[in-house]
Amino acid sequence: MQTHSTILRRVPEAKLTIKYGDRFGVRAVQDRYRRTFSHWGVLPHRLHFHTKSMTTEDHLRTTKSVDLPLDAFPYQGTMTSLESLAVGTPIISDSGLRSSFVSL
């Protein structure tokens, strides 16, 4: 999370979209992430949480809507990378938090 926070601090208008299965639909999980990112200097309104998409088209639409996907540990180079490249979005990999996206 510290790496993600560093990116967000350096680009003040950026937002972070976090999507992984259904776990980010739980308010307590969202609040924990907001507290953690706040500790690293990121305001809570810059975090956007998504749960699993109902269709592949919805999922790819979310993937295409971001500027820079971060394919994070332990999933480097798998579906987030492939899906991002399929919709024409460049990607970087990092260790740490699960897959997430930065919108500039």
N, C-alpha and C. Protein backbone atom coordinates (compact mmCIF):
# COMPACT_ATOMS: atom_id res chain seq x y z
N MET A 1 0.81 -1.19 0.00
CA MET A 1 0.00 0.00 0.00
C MET A 1 0.85 1.26 0.00
N GLN A 2 2.04 1.15 0.55
CA GLN A 2 2.90 2.32 0.60
C GLN A 2 3.28 2.78 -0.81
N THR A 3 3.56 1.84 -1.72
CA THR A 3 3.89 2.20 -3.10
C THR A 3 2.72 2.91 -3.77
N HIS A 4 1.52 2.39 -3.57
CA HIS A 4 0.33 3.01 -4.15
C HIS A 4 0.15 4.42 -3.59
N SER A 5 0.37 4.56 -2.29
CA SER A 5 0.23 5.86 -1.64
C SER A 5 1.24 6.85 -2.19
N THR A 6 2.45 6.39 -2.45
CA THR A 6 3.48 7.27 -3.01
C THR A 6 3.04 7.80 -4.37
N ILE A 7 2.50 6.93 -5.20
CA ILE A 7 1.99 7.36 -6.51
C ILE A 7 0.89 8.40 -6.32
N LEU A 8 -0.04 8.14 -5.44
CA LEU A 8 -1.17 9.05 -5.23
C LEU A 8 -0.71 10.39 -4.66
N ARG A 9 0.27 10.39 -3.80
CA ARG A 9 0.78 11.67 -3.26
C ARG A 9 1.48 12.47 -4.35
N ARG A 10 2.15 11.81 -5.26
CA ARG A 10 2.88 12.51 -6.33
C ARG A 10 1.95 13.03 -7.42
N VAL A 11 0.77 12.43 -7.55
CA VAL A 11 -0.20 12.86 -8.55
C VAL A 11 -1.51 13.18 -7.81
N PRO A 12 -1.63 14.42 -7.31
CA PRO A 12 -2.74 14.77 -6.42
C PRO A 12 -4.14 14.58 -7.01
N GLU A 13 -4.29 14.61 -8.32
CA GLU A 13 -5.62 14.44 -8.91
C GLU A 13 -5.94 12.97 -9.20
N ALA A 14 -5.00 12.06 -8.95
CA ALA A 14 -5.21 10.64 -9.21
C ALA A 14 -6.14 10.03 -8.17
N LYS A 15 -6.84 8.99 -8.61
CA LYS A 15 -7.71 8.20 -7.74
C LYS A 15 -7.29 6.74 -7.87
N LEU A 16 -7.56 5.96 -6.84
CA LEU A 16 -7.22 4.55 -6.85
C LEU A 16 -8.51 3.73 -6.85
N THR A 17 -8.66 2.89 -7.86
CA THR A 17 -9.78 1.96 -7.93
C THR A 17 -9.26 0.60 -7.51
N ILE A 18 -9.89 0.02 -6.49
CA ILE A 18 -9.48 -1.28 -5.98
C ILE A 18 -10.60 -2.27 -6.24
N LYS A 19 -10.25 -3.36 -6.94
CA LYS A 19 -11.26 -4.34 -7.32
C LYS A 19 -10.67 -5.73 -7.16
N TYR A 20 -11.36 -6.56 -6.36
CA TYR A 20 -10.92 -7.95 -6.20
C TYR A 20 -12.08 -8.75 -5.62
N GLY A 21 -12.69 -9.58 -6.43
CA GLY A 21 -13.79 -10.42 -5.96
C GLY A 21 -14.87 -9.62 -5.27
N ASP A 22 -15.39 -10.16 -4.16
CA ASP A 22 -16.46 -9.49 -3.43
C ASP A 22 -16.00 -8.80 -2.16
N ARG A 23 -14.73 -8.95 -1.79
CA ARG A 23 -14.30 -8.44 -0.48
C ARG A 23 -14.38 -6.93 -0.35
N PHE A 24 -14.31 -6.17 -1.44
CA PHE A 24 -14.36 -4.72 -1.30
C PHE A 24 -15.79 -4.18 -1.24
N GLY A 25 -16.77 -5.05 -1.20
CA GLY A 25 -18.14 -4.66 -0.95
C GLY A 25 -18.45 -4.59 0.54
N VAL A 26 -17.51 -5.00 1.37
CA VAL A 26 -17.69 -5.02 2.83
C VAL A 26 -17.19 -3.69 3.40
N ARG A 27 -18.08 -2.97 4.06
CA ARG A 27 -17.75 -1.63 4.59
C ARG A 27 -16.54 -1.64 5.53
N ALA A 28 -16.43 -2.65 6.37
CA ALA A 28 -15.31 -2.73 7.31
C ALA A 28 -13.98 -2.86 6.56
N VAL A 29 -13.97 -3.58 5.46
CA VAL A 29 -12.76 -3.72 4.65
C VAL A 29 -12.42 -2.37 4.01
N GLN A 30 -13.42 -1.71 3.46
CA GLN A 30 -13.20 -0.39 2.87
C GLN A 30 -12.64 0.58 3.90
N ASP A 31 -13.24 0.59 5.09
CA ASP A 31 -12.78 1.50 6.15
C ASP A 31 -11.34 1.21 6.55
N ARG A 32 -10.98 -0.07 6.60
CA ARG A 32 -9.60 -0.43 6.94
C ARG A 32 -8.63 0.12 5.89
N TYR A 33 -8.98 0.00 4.63
CA TYR A 33 -8.13 0.53 3.56
C TYR A 33 -8.07 2.06 3.62
N ARG A 34 -9.20 2.70 3.90
CA ARG A 34 -9.20 4.16 4.02
C ARG A 34 -8.29 4.61 5.16
N ARG A 35 -8.34 3.93 6.30
CA ARG A 35 -7.46 4.27 7.43
C ARG A 35 -5.99 4.07 7.06
N THR A 36 -5.70 2.96 6.42
CA THR A 36 -4.32 2.66 6.06
C THR A 36 -3.78 3.69 5.07
N PHE A 37 -4.56 4.01 4.04
CA PHE A 37 -4.10 4.99 3.06
C PHE A 37 -4.02 6.38 3.68
N SER A 38 -4.92 6.68 4.59
CA SER A 38 -4.87 7.96 5.29
C SER A 38 -3.57 8.08 6.08
N HIS A 39 -3.15 7.00 6.70
CA HIS A 39 -1.87 6.97 7.41
C HIS A 39 -0.71 7.34 6.49
N TRP A 40 -0.81 6.95 5.22
CA TRP A 40 0.23 7.24 4.23
C TRP A 40 -0.01 8.57 3.51
N GLY A 41 -1.01 9.35 3.97
CA GLY A 41 -1.21 10.68 3.41
C GLY A 41 -2.16 10.78 2.24
N VAL A 42 -3.03 9.78 2.06
CA VAL A 42 -4.01 9.79 0.97
C VAL A 42 -5.40 9.99 1.53
N LEU A 43 -6.10 11.00 1.05
CA LEU A 43 -7.46 11.27 1.53
C LEU A 43 -8.42 10.17 1.10
N PRO A 44 -9.37 9.81 1.96
CA PRO A 44 -10.28 8.69 1.69
C PRO A 44 -11.11 8.82 0.41
N HIS A 45 -11.47 10.04 0.01
CA HIS A 45 -12.31 10.19 -1.19
C HIS A 45 -11.58 9.81 -2.48
N ARG A 46 -10.29 9.58 -2.40
CA ARG A 46 -9.52 9.21 -3.58
C ARG A 46 -9.51 7.71 -3.83
N LEU A 47 -10.11 6.94 -2.91
CA LEU A 47 -10.19 5.48 -3.05
C LEU A 47 -11.58 5.09 -3.54
N HIS A 48 -11.63 4.25 -4.56
CA HIS A 48 -12.89 3.76 -5.11
C HIS A 48 -12.85 2.23 -5.08
N PHE A 49 -13.87 1.64 -4.50
CA PHE A 49 -13.91 0.19 -4.33
C PHE A 49 -14.94 -0.42 -5.27
N HIS A 50 -14.56 -1.54 -5.90
CA HIS A 50 -15.45 -2.27 -6.78
C HIS A 50 -15.45 -3.74 -6.40
N THR A 51 -16.58 -4.38 -6.60
CA THR A 51 -16.66 -5.82 -6.40
C THR A 51 -16.65 -6.49 -7.76
N LYS A 52 -16.75 -7.79 -7.75
CA LYS A 52 -16.74 -8.59 -8.97
C LYS A 52 -17.81 -8.10 -9.94
N SER A 53 -17.44 -7.95 -11.21
CA SER A 53 -18.40 -7.54 -12.25
C SER A 53 -19.32 -8.70 -12.58
N MET A 54 -20.55 -8.35 -12.97
CA MET A 54 -21.52 -9.38 -13.32
C MET A 54 -21.22 -10.00 -14.68
N THR A 55 -20.66 -9.21 -15.60
CA THR A 55 -20.36 -9.73 -16.93
C THR A 55 -18.92 -9.42 -17.30
N THR A 56 -18.41 -10.16 -18.26
CA THR A 56 -17.06 -9.89 -18.76
C THR A 56 -16.99 -8.50 -19.36
N GLU A 57 -18.04 -8.09 -20.07
CA GLU A 57 -18.07 -6.77 -20.69
C GLU A 57 -17.95 -5.67 -19.64
N ASP A 58 -18.68 -5.80 -18.51
CA ASP A 58 -18.58 -4.81 -17.43
C ASP A 58 -17.18 -4.78 -16.84
N HIS A 59 -16.61 -5.95 -16.66
CA HIS A 59 -15.25 -6.03 -16.11
C HIS A 59 -14.25 -5.34 -17.03
N LEU A 60 -14.32 -5.62 -18.32
CA LEU A 60 -13.39 -5.00 -19.27
C LEU A 60 -13.64 -3.50 -19.40
N ARG A 61 -14.87 -3.07 -19.24
CA ARG A 61 -15.19 -1.64 -19.26
C ARG A 61 -14.49 -0.94 -18.08
N THR A 62 -14.52 -1.56 -16.90
CA THR A 62 -13.83 -0.99 -15.75
C THR A 62 -12.33 -0.95 -16.01
N THR A 63 -11.79 -2.02 -16.56
CA THR A 63 -10.36 -2.09 -16.86
C THR A 63 -9.96 -1.00 -17.84
N LYS A 64 -10.78 -0.77 -18.86
CA LYS A 64 -10.49 0.25 -19.88
C LYS A 64 -10.64 1.66 -19.33
N SER A 65 -11.42 1.84 -18.28
CA SER A 65 -11.70 3.18 -17.76
C SER A 65 -10.56 3.78 -16.94
N VAL A 66 -9.56 2.99 -16.62
CA VAL A 66 -8.46 3.49 -15.80
C VAL A 66 -7.27 3.85 -16.68
N ASP A 67 -6.39 4.68 -16.14
CA ASP A 67 -5.22 5.11 -16.89
C ASP A 67 -4.03 4.16 -16.74
N LEU A 68 -3.90 3.57 -15.55
CA LEU A 68 -2.72 2.75 -15.29
C LEU A 68 -3.05 1.63 -14.32
N PRO A 69 -3.28 0.42 -14.82
CA PRO A 69 -3.49 -0.71 -13.91
C PRO A 69 -2.19 -1.10 -13.22
N LEU A 70 -2.30 -1.45 -11.96
CA LEU A 70 -1.16 -1.95 -11.19
C LEU A 70 -1.44 -3.41 -10.88
N ASP A 71 -0.78 -4.31 -11.56
CA ASP A 71 -0.99 -5.74 -11.32
C ASP A 71 -0.09 -6.12 -10.16
N ALA A 72 -0.69 -6.35 -9.01
CA ALA A 72 0.07 -6.47 -7.77
C ALA A 72 0.19 -7.91 -7.29
N PHE A 73 1.19 -8.14 -6.43
CA PHE A 73 1.45 -9.44 -5.82
C PHE A 73 0.20 -10.00 -5.16
N PRO A 74 -0.10 -11.24 -5.29
CA PRO A 74 0.69 -12.30 -5.90
C PRO A 74 0.30 -12.61 -7.33
N TYR A 75 -0.28 -11.67 -8.04
CA TYR A 75 -0.87 -11.95 -9.36
C TYR A 75 -0.15 -11.29 -10.52
N GLN A 76 1.15 -10.97 -10.42
CA GLN A 76 1.84 -10.30 -11.51
C GLN A 76 1.75 -11.11 -12.80
N GLY A 77 1.42 -10.40 -13.87
CA GLY A 77 1.46 -11.00 -15.19
C GLY A 77 0.34 -11.96 -15.52
N THR A 78 -0.72 -11.97 -14.74
CA THR A 78 -1.81 -12.90 -15.08
C THR A 78 -2.99 -12.11 -15.62
N MET A 79 -4.18 -12.32 -15.12
CA MET A 79 -5.38 -11.80 -15.76
C MET A 79 -5.44 -10.27 -15.84
N THR A 80 -5.03 -9.55 -14.81
CA THR A 80 -5.07 -8.10 -14.89
C THR A 80 -4.20 -7.61 -16.03
N SER A 81 -3.01 -8.18 -16.16
CA SER A 81 -2.11 -7.80 -17.25
C SER A 81 -2.74 -8.13 -18.61
N LEU A 82 -3.22 -9.35 -18.76
CA LEU A 82 -3.80 -9.77 -20.03
C LEU A 82 -5.03 -8.93 -20.40
N GLU A 83 -5.90 -8.72 -19.44
CA GLU A 83 -7.12 -7.94 -19.72
C GLU A 83 -6.78 -6.49 -20.04
N SER A 84 -5.83 -5.92 -19.33
CA SER A 84 -5.43 -4.54 -19.60
C SER A 84 -4.86 -4.40 -20.99
N LEU A 85 -3.97 -5.30 -21.36
CA LEU A 85 -3.39 -5.26 -22.70
C LEU A 85 -4.45 -5.49 -23.76
N ALA A 86 -5.43 -6.35 -23.48
CA ALA A 86 -6.49 -6.64 -24.45
C ALA A 86 -7.34 -5.41 -24.76
N VAL A 87 -7.51 -4.52 -23.77
CA VAL A 87 -8.33 -3.31 -24.01
C VAL A 87 -7.45 -2.10 -24.31
N GLY A 88 -6.12 -2.30 -24.44
CA GLY A 88 -5.23 -1.23 -24.84
C GLY A 88 -4.75 -0.31 -23.74
N THR A 89 -4.79 -0.79 -22.50
CA THR A 89 -4.34 0.02 -21.37
C THR A 89 -2.96 -0.45 -20.93
N PRO A 90 -1.96 0.46 -20.86
CA PRO A 90 -0.63 0.04 -20.40
C PRO A 90 -0.69 -0.39 -18.94
N ILE A 91 0.28 -1.18 -18.52
CA ILE A 91 0.24 -1.74 -17.17
C ILE A 91 1.64 -1.80 -16.56
N ILE A 92 1.71 -1.68 -15.23
CA ILE A 92 2.95 -1.94 -14.52
C ILE A 92 2.66 -2.96 -13.43
N SER A 93 3.69 -3.67 -13.00
CA SER A 93 3.54 -4.65 -11.92
C SER A 93 4.26 -4.16 -10.68
N ASP A 94 3.74 -4.56 -9.52
CA ASP A 94 4.31 -4.16 -8.25
C ASP A 94 4.00 -5.25 -7.24
N SER A 95 4.80 -5.36 -6.21
CA SER A 95 4.50 -6.30 -5.14
C SER A 95 3.74 -5.58 -4.04
N GLY A 96 2.82 -6.27 -3.40
CA GLY A 96 2.07 -5.67 -2.31
C GLY A 96 0.58 -5.96 -2.43
N LEU A 97 -0.21 -4.90 -2.44
CA LEU A 97 -1.66 -4.96 -2.50
C LEU A 97 -2.16 -5.75 -3.70
N ARG A 98 -3.33 -6.32 -3.60
CA ARG A 98 -3.95 -7.00 -4.73
C ARG A 98 -4.17 -6.02 -5.88
N SER A 99 -4.65 -6.50 -7.00
CA SER A 99 -4.81 -5.68 -8.20
C SER A 99 -5.60 -4.40 -7.92
N SER A 100 -5.13 -3.33 -8.46
CA SER A 100 -5.77 -2.03 -8.28
C SER A 100 -5.44 -1.14 -9.46
N PHE A 101 -6.15 -0.02 -9.57
CA PHE A 101 -6.00 0.84 -10.72
C PHE A 101 -5.85 2.28 -10.28
N VAL A 102 -5.10 3.05 -11.04
CA VAL A 102 -4.96 4.48 -10.78
C VAL A 102 -5.59 5.23 -11.95
N SER A 103 -6.51 6.14 -11.66
CA SER A 103 -7.09 6.99 -12.70
C SER A 103 -6.56 8.40 -12.53
N LEU A 104 -6.00 8.94 -13.57
CA LEU A 104 -5.43 10.27 -13.53
C LEU A 104 -6.43 11.30 -14.03
